[in-house]
Amino acid sequence: MLMIRHSIGSRLLCQTNSYNIEKQDDRWLISVPVDEETASTVLYFQDELNIFEIKENEKAWFYSSDAQINFQRNDKELIILADHKTVYPT
C-alpha cells in the first residue's frame, strides 16, 4: 500500500495499492494513477509531502526535498521523483 500524506498534521491525501516504485540511480521514481482532484491536492502541498510504502515486513518513508512532482494529465498519473528513503521494520 502507498500513502501520500501532508507532513503538517499528517492529512491523508492519497492511499492506493496501485502504484509503481523504480530505483533510478540515487532517486526513486514513484508513479501513482490518480484522478485530477487528487493530483491537484497533492500538487498544492508538493513541498510538504510524506510518502509511505507499507509492506508486510517493512515500512518505507520517501520524500522529495526539491518537490519534483508532476501530473501526467493524459495518463492520469502522478509522478514523484523522491530523493530520500528511510526503511523501518514493522
N, C-alpha and C. Protein backbone atom coordinates (compact mmCIF):
# COMPACT_ATOMS: atom_id res chain seq x y z
N MET A 1 0.84 -1.17 0.00
CA MET A 1 0.00 0.00 0.00
C MET A 1 0.90 1.24 0.00
N LEU A 2 0.47 2.26 -0.70
CA LEU A 2 1.17 3.53 -0.74
C LEU A 2 0.25 4.61 -0.19
N MET A 3 0.80 5.44 0.69
CA MET A 3 0.04 6.56 1.25
C MET A 3 0.83 7.84 1.01
N ILE A 4 0.14 8.87 0.56
CA ILE A 4 0.72 10.20 0.42
C ILE A 4 0.03 11.07 1.46
N ARG A 5 0.84 11.65 2.35
CA ARG A 5 0.30 12.44 3.46
C ARG A 5 0.90 13.84 3.45
N HIS A 6 0.10 14.79 3.91
CA HIS A 6 0.60 16.14 4.15
C HIS A 6 1.44 16.08 5.42
N SER A 7 2.65 16.57 5.36
CA SER A 7 3.57 16.42 6.50
C SER A 7 3.12 17.21 7.73
N ILE A 8 2.33 18.24 7.53
CA ILE A 8 1.84 19.03 8.66
C ILE A 8 0.45 18.52 9.01
N GLY A 9 0.33 17.84 10.12
CA GLY A 9 -0.95 17.29 10.54
C GLY A 9 -1.22 15.89 10.02
N SER A 10 -0.39 15.40 9.13
CA SER A 10 -0.47 14.03 8.60
C SER A 10 -1.78 13.73 7.87
N ARG A 11 -2.38 14.75 7.26
CA ARG A 11 -3.62 14.55 6.49
C ARG A 11 -3.37 13.58 5.34
N LEU A 12 -4.20 12.58 5.20
CA LEU A 12 -4.09 11.60 4.13
C LEU A 12 -4.60 12.22 2.83
N LEU A 13 -3.74 12.28 1.82
CA LEU A 13 -4.11 12.86 0.53
C LEU A 13 -4.42 11.78 -0.51
N CYS A 14 -3.77 10.63 -0.38
CA CYS A 14 -3.98 9.53 -1.32
C CYS A 14 -3.55 8.22 -0.66
N GLN A 15 -4.33 7.18 -0.89
CA GLN A 15 -3.98 5.84 -0.41
C GLN A 15 -4.35 4.86 -1.51
N THR A 16 -3.41 4.00 -1.91
CA THR A 16 -3.68 3.09 -3.01
C THR A 16 -2.79 1.85 -2.95
N ASN A 17 -3.27 0.80 -3.57
CA ASN A 17 -2.46 -0.40 -3.77
C ASN A 17 -1.97 -0.46 -5.21
N SER A 18 -2.36 0.51 -6.01
CA SER A 18 -1.95 0.57 -7.41
C SER A 18 -0.89 1.66 -7.57
N TYR A 19 0.37 1.25 -7.63
CA TYR A 19 1.47 2.19 -7.75
C TYR A 19 2.71 1.43 -8.23
N ASN A 20 3.74 2.17 -8.60
CA ASN A 20 4.99 1.57 -9.00
C ASN A 20 6.14 2.43 -8.47
N ILE A 21 7.17 1.78 -7.95
CA ILE A 21 8.37 2.48 -7.48
C ILE A 21 9.57 1.86 -8.19
N GLU A 22 10.33 2.70 -8.88
CA GLU A 22 11.54 2.25 -9.58
C GLU A 22 12.74 3.02 -9.06
N LYS A 23 13.80 2.31 -8.73
CA LYS A 23 15.06 2.94 -8.30
C LYS A 23 15.76 3.48 -9.54
N GLN A 24 16.17 4.74 -9.52
CA GLN A 24 16.89 5.37 -10.61
C GLN A 24 18.10 6.10 -10.03
N ASP A 25 19.25 5.46 -10.12
CA ASP A 25 20.48 5.98 -9.52
C ASP A 25 20.25 6.21 -8.02
N ASP A 26 20.34 7.45 -7.57
CA ASP A 26 20.16 7.74 -6.14
C ASP A 26 18.78 8.31 -5.84
N ARG A 27 17.81 8.04 -6.72
CA ARG A 27 16.44 8.52 -6.55
C ARG A 27 15.45 7.39 -6.79
N TRP A 28 14.19 7.65 -6.48
CA TRP A 28 13.12 6.68 -6.69
C TRP A 28 12.01 7.37 -7.48
N LEU A 29 11.61 6.76 -8.58
CA LEU A 29 10.52 7.26 -9.39
C LEU A 29 9.25 6.54 -8.94
N ILE A 30 8.32 7.30 -8.40
CA ILE A 30 7.06 6.76 -7.88
C ILE A 30 5.94 7.21 -8.81
N SER A 31 5.21 6.27 -9.36
CA SER A 31 4.08 6.61 -10.23
C SER A 31 2.80 6.05 -9.63
N VAL A 32 1.78 6.90 -9.63
CA VAL A 32 0.51 6.57 -8.97
C VAL A 32 -0.64 7.03 -9.87
N PRO A 33 -1.52 6.12 -10.28
CA PRO A 33 -2.70 6.58 -11.02
C PRO A 33 -3.66 7.30 -10.07
N VAL A 34 -4.05 8.51 -10.44
CA VAL A 34 -4.96 9.31 -9.60
C VAL A 34 -5.90 10.12 -10.49
N ASP A 35 -6.98 10.59 -9.89
CA ASP A 35 -7.87 11.50 -10.60
C ASP A 35 -7.32 12.92 -10.51
N GLU A 36 -7.89 13.82 -11.28
CA GLU A 36 -7.38 15.20 -11.33
C GLU A 36 -7.53 15.92 -10.00
N GLU A 37 -8.59 15.65 -9.27
CA GLU A 37 -8.79 16.31 -7.98
C GLU A 37 -7.70 15.91 -6.98
N THR A 38 -7.40 14.62 -6.91
CA THR A 38 -6.33 14.15 -6.02
C THR A 38 -4.99 14.73 -6.44
N ALA A 39 -4.72 14.73 -7.74
CA ALA A 39 -3.47 15.29 -8.24
C ALA A 39 -3.35 16.77 -7.87
N SER A 40 -4.42 17.50 -8.02
CA SER A 40 -4.41 18.92 -7.69
C SER A 40 -4.09 19.15 -6.21
N THR A 41 -4.68 18.35 -5.34
CA THR A 41 -4.44 18.47 -3.90
C THR A 41 -2.99 18.13 -3.57
N VAL A 42 -2.48 17.04 -4.13
CA VAL A 42 -1.09 16.65 -3.88
C VAL A 42 -0.14 17.73 -4.39
N LEU A 43 -0.39 18.25 -5.58
CA LEU A 43 0.48 19.30 -6.13
C LEU A 43 0.43 20.58 -5.29
N TYR A 44 -0.73 20.89 -4.74
CA TYR A 44 -0.86 22.08 -3.89
C TYR A 44 0.07 21.98 -2.67
N PHE A 45 0.21 20.77 -2.12
CA PHE A 45 1.05 20.55 -0.94
C PHE A 45 2.41 19.94 -1.29
N GLN A 46 2.84 20.04 -2.54
CA GLN A 46 4.02 19.33 -3.00
C GLN A 46 5.30 19.59 -2.20
N ASP A 47 5.41 20.70 -1.55
CA ASP A 47 6.60 20.98 -0.73
C ASP A 47 6.49 20.41 0.67
N GLU A 48 5.37 19.78 1.00
CA GLU A 48 5.11 19.32 2.37
C GLU A 48 4.53 17.90 2.37
N LEU A 49 5.16 16.99 1.61
CA LEU A 49 4.61 15.64 1.49
C LEU A 49 5.50 14.59 2.14
N ASN A 50 4.85 13.60 2.70
CA ASN A 50 5.49 12.37 3.14
C ASN A 50 4.82 11.24 2.38
N ILE A 51 5.62 10.35 1.83
CA ILE A 51 5.11 9.22 1.07
C ILE A 51 5.55 7.96 1.79
N PHE A 52 4.60 7.08 2.08
CA PHE A 52 4.89 5.85 2.80
C PHE A 52 4.49 4.65 1.96
N GLU A 53 5.39 3.68 1.87
CA GLU A 53 5.08 2.39 1.27
C GLU A 53 5.03 1.39 2.40
N ILE A 54 3.89 0.74 2.57
CA ILE A 54 3.69 -0.21 3.65
C ILE A 54 3.67 -1.62 3.05
N LYS A 55 4.60 -2.44 3.49
CA LYS A 55 4.64 -3.85 3.08
C LYS A 55 4.46 -4.70 4.33
N GLU A 56 4.37 -6.00 4.14
CA GLU A 56 4.12 -6.90 5.26
C GLU A 56 5.20 -6.78 6.34
N ASN A 57 6.46 -6.68 5.95
CA ASN A 57 7.54 -6.69 6.94
C ASN A 57 8.33 -5.39 7.05
N GLU A 58 7.90 -4.35 6.34
CA GLU A 58 8.61 -3.09 6.45
C GLU A 58 7.74 -1.92 6.01
N LYS A 59 8.15 -0.76 6.46
CA LYS A 59 7.51 0.50 6.08
C LYS A 59 8.63 1.41 5.59
N ALA A 60 8.45 1.98 4.40
CA ALA A 60 9.45 2.88 3.84
C ALA A 60 8.86 4.28 3.74
N TRP A 61 9.67 5.25 4.08
CA TRP A 61 9.28 6.66 4.01
C TRP A 61 10.08 7.30 2.90
N PHE A 62 9.40 7.93 1.96
CA PHE A 62 10.04 8.64 0.85
C PHE A 62 9.67 10.11 0.94
N TYR A 63 10.57 10.96 0.46
CA TYR A 63 10.17 12.35 0.23
C TYR A 63 11.04 12.96 -0.85
N SER A 64 10.53 14.02 -1.42
CA SER A 64 11.22 14.76 -2.48
C SER A 64 11.60 16.12 -1.91
N SER A 65 12.88 16.30 -1.62
CA SER A 65 13.30 17.55 -0.97
C SER A 65 13.19 18.75 -1.91
N ASP A 66 13.16 18.53 -3.21
CA ASP A 66 13.04 19.65 -4.14
C ASP A 66 11.72 19.62 -4.91
N ALA A 67 10.74 18.92 -4.39
CA ALA A 67 9.36 18.89 -4.91
C ALA A 67 9.30 18.58 -6.41
N GLN A 68 9.97 17.51 -6.81
CA GLN A 68 9.90 17.10 -8.21
C GLN A 68 8.69 16.18 -8.39
N ILE A 69 7.54 16.82 -8.56
CA ILE A 69 6.26 16.11 -8.66
C ILE A 69 5.49 16.71 -9.82
N ASN A 70 4.93 15.85 -10.67
CA ASN A 70 4.07 16.37 -11.73
C ASN A 70 2.95 15.39 -12.03
N PHE A 71 1.95 15.89 -12.71
CA PHE A 71 0.77 15.10 -13.07
C PHE A 71 0.74 14.95 -14.57
N GLN A 72 0.75 13.71 -15.04
CA GLN A 72 0.62 13.41 -16.46
C GLN A 72 -0.88 13.32 -16.75
N ARG A 73 -1.44 14.42 -17.19
CA ARG A 73 -2.89 14.53 -17.35
C ARG A 73 -3.45 13.48 -18.32
N ASN A 74 -2.77 13.23 -19.44
CA ASN A 74 -3.27 12.26 -20.42
C ASN A 74 -3.32 10.84 -19.85
N ASP A 75 -2.33 10.49 -19.03
CA ASP A 75 -2.26 9.15 -18.44
C ASP A 75 -2.94 9.08 -17.08
N LYS A 76 -3.36 10.26 -16.56
CA LYS A 76 -3.94 10.35 -15.21
C LYS A 76 -3.02 9.68 -14.19
N GLU A 77 -1.75 10.12 -14.24
CA GLU A 77 -0.73 9.52 -13.39
C GLU A 77 0.11 10.60 -12.71
N LEU A 78 0.26 10.46 -11.42
CA LEU A 78 1.10 11.35 -10.64
C LEU A 78 2.51 10.76 -10.63
N ILE A 79 3.51 11.59 -10.94
CA ILE A 79 4.90 11.15 -10.98
C ILE A 79 5.67 11.92 -9.92
N ILE A 80 6.28 11.19 -9.00
CA ILE A 80 7.06 11.79 -7.92
C ILE A 80 8.48 11.27 -8.03
N LEU A 81 9.44 12.17 -8.03
CA LEU A 81 10.84 11.79 -8.02
C LEU A 81 11.37 12.06 -6.61
N ALA A 82 11.48 11.01 -5.83
CA ALA A 82 11.91 11.14 -4.42
C ALA A 82 13.42 10.98 -4.34
N ASP A 83 14.03 11.77 -3.47
CA ASP A 83 15.48 11.68 -3.29
C ASP A 83 15.88 11.19 -1.90
N HIS A 84 14.91 10.73 -1.16
CA HIS A 84 15.21 10.22 0.19
C HIS A 84 14.31 9.02 0.49
N LYS A 85 14.90 8.00 1.09
CA LYS A 85 14.14 6.82 1.51
C LYS A 85 14.70 6.33 2.82
N THR A 86 13.83 6.10 3.78
CA THR A 86 14.18 5.51 5.05
C THR A 86 13.28 4.30 5.27
N VAL A 87 13.88 3.16 5.61
CA VAL A 87 13.12 1.93 5.83
C VAL A 87 13.05 1.63 7.31
N TYR A 88 11.83 1.31 7.78
CA TYR A 88 11.59 0.96 9.17
C TYR A 88 11.02 -0.45 9.21
N PRO A 89 11.52 -1.32 10.07
CA PRO A 89 10.89 -2.64 10.21
C PRO A 89 9.54 -2.50 10.90
N THR A 90 8.62 -3.40 10.57
CA THR A 90 7.31 -3.36 11.22
C THR A 90 7.19 -4.48 12.23
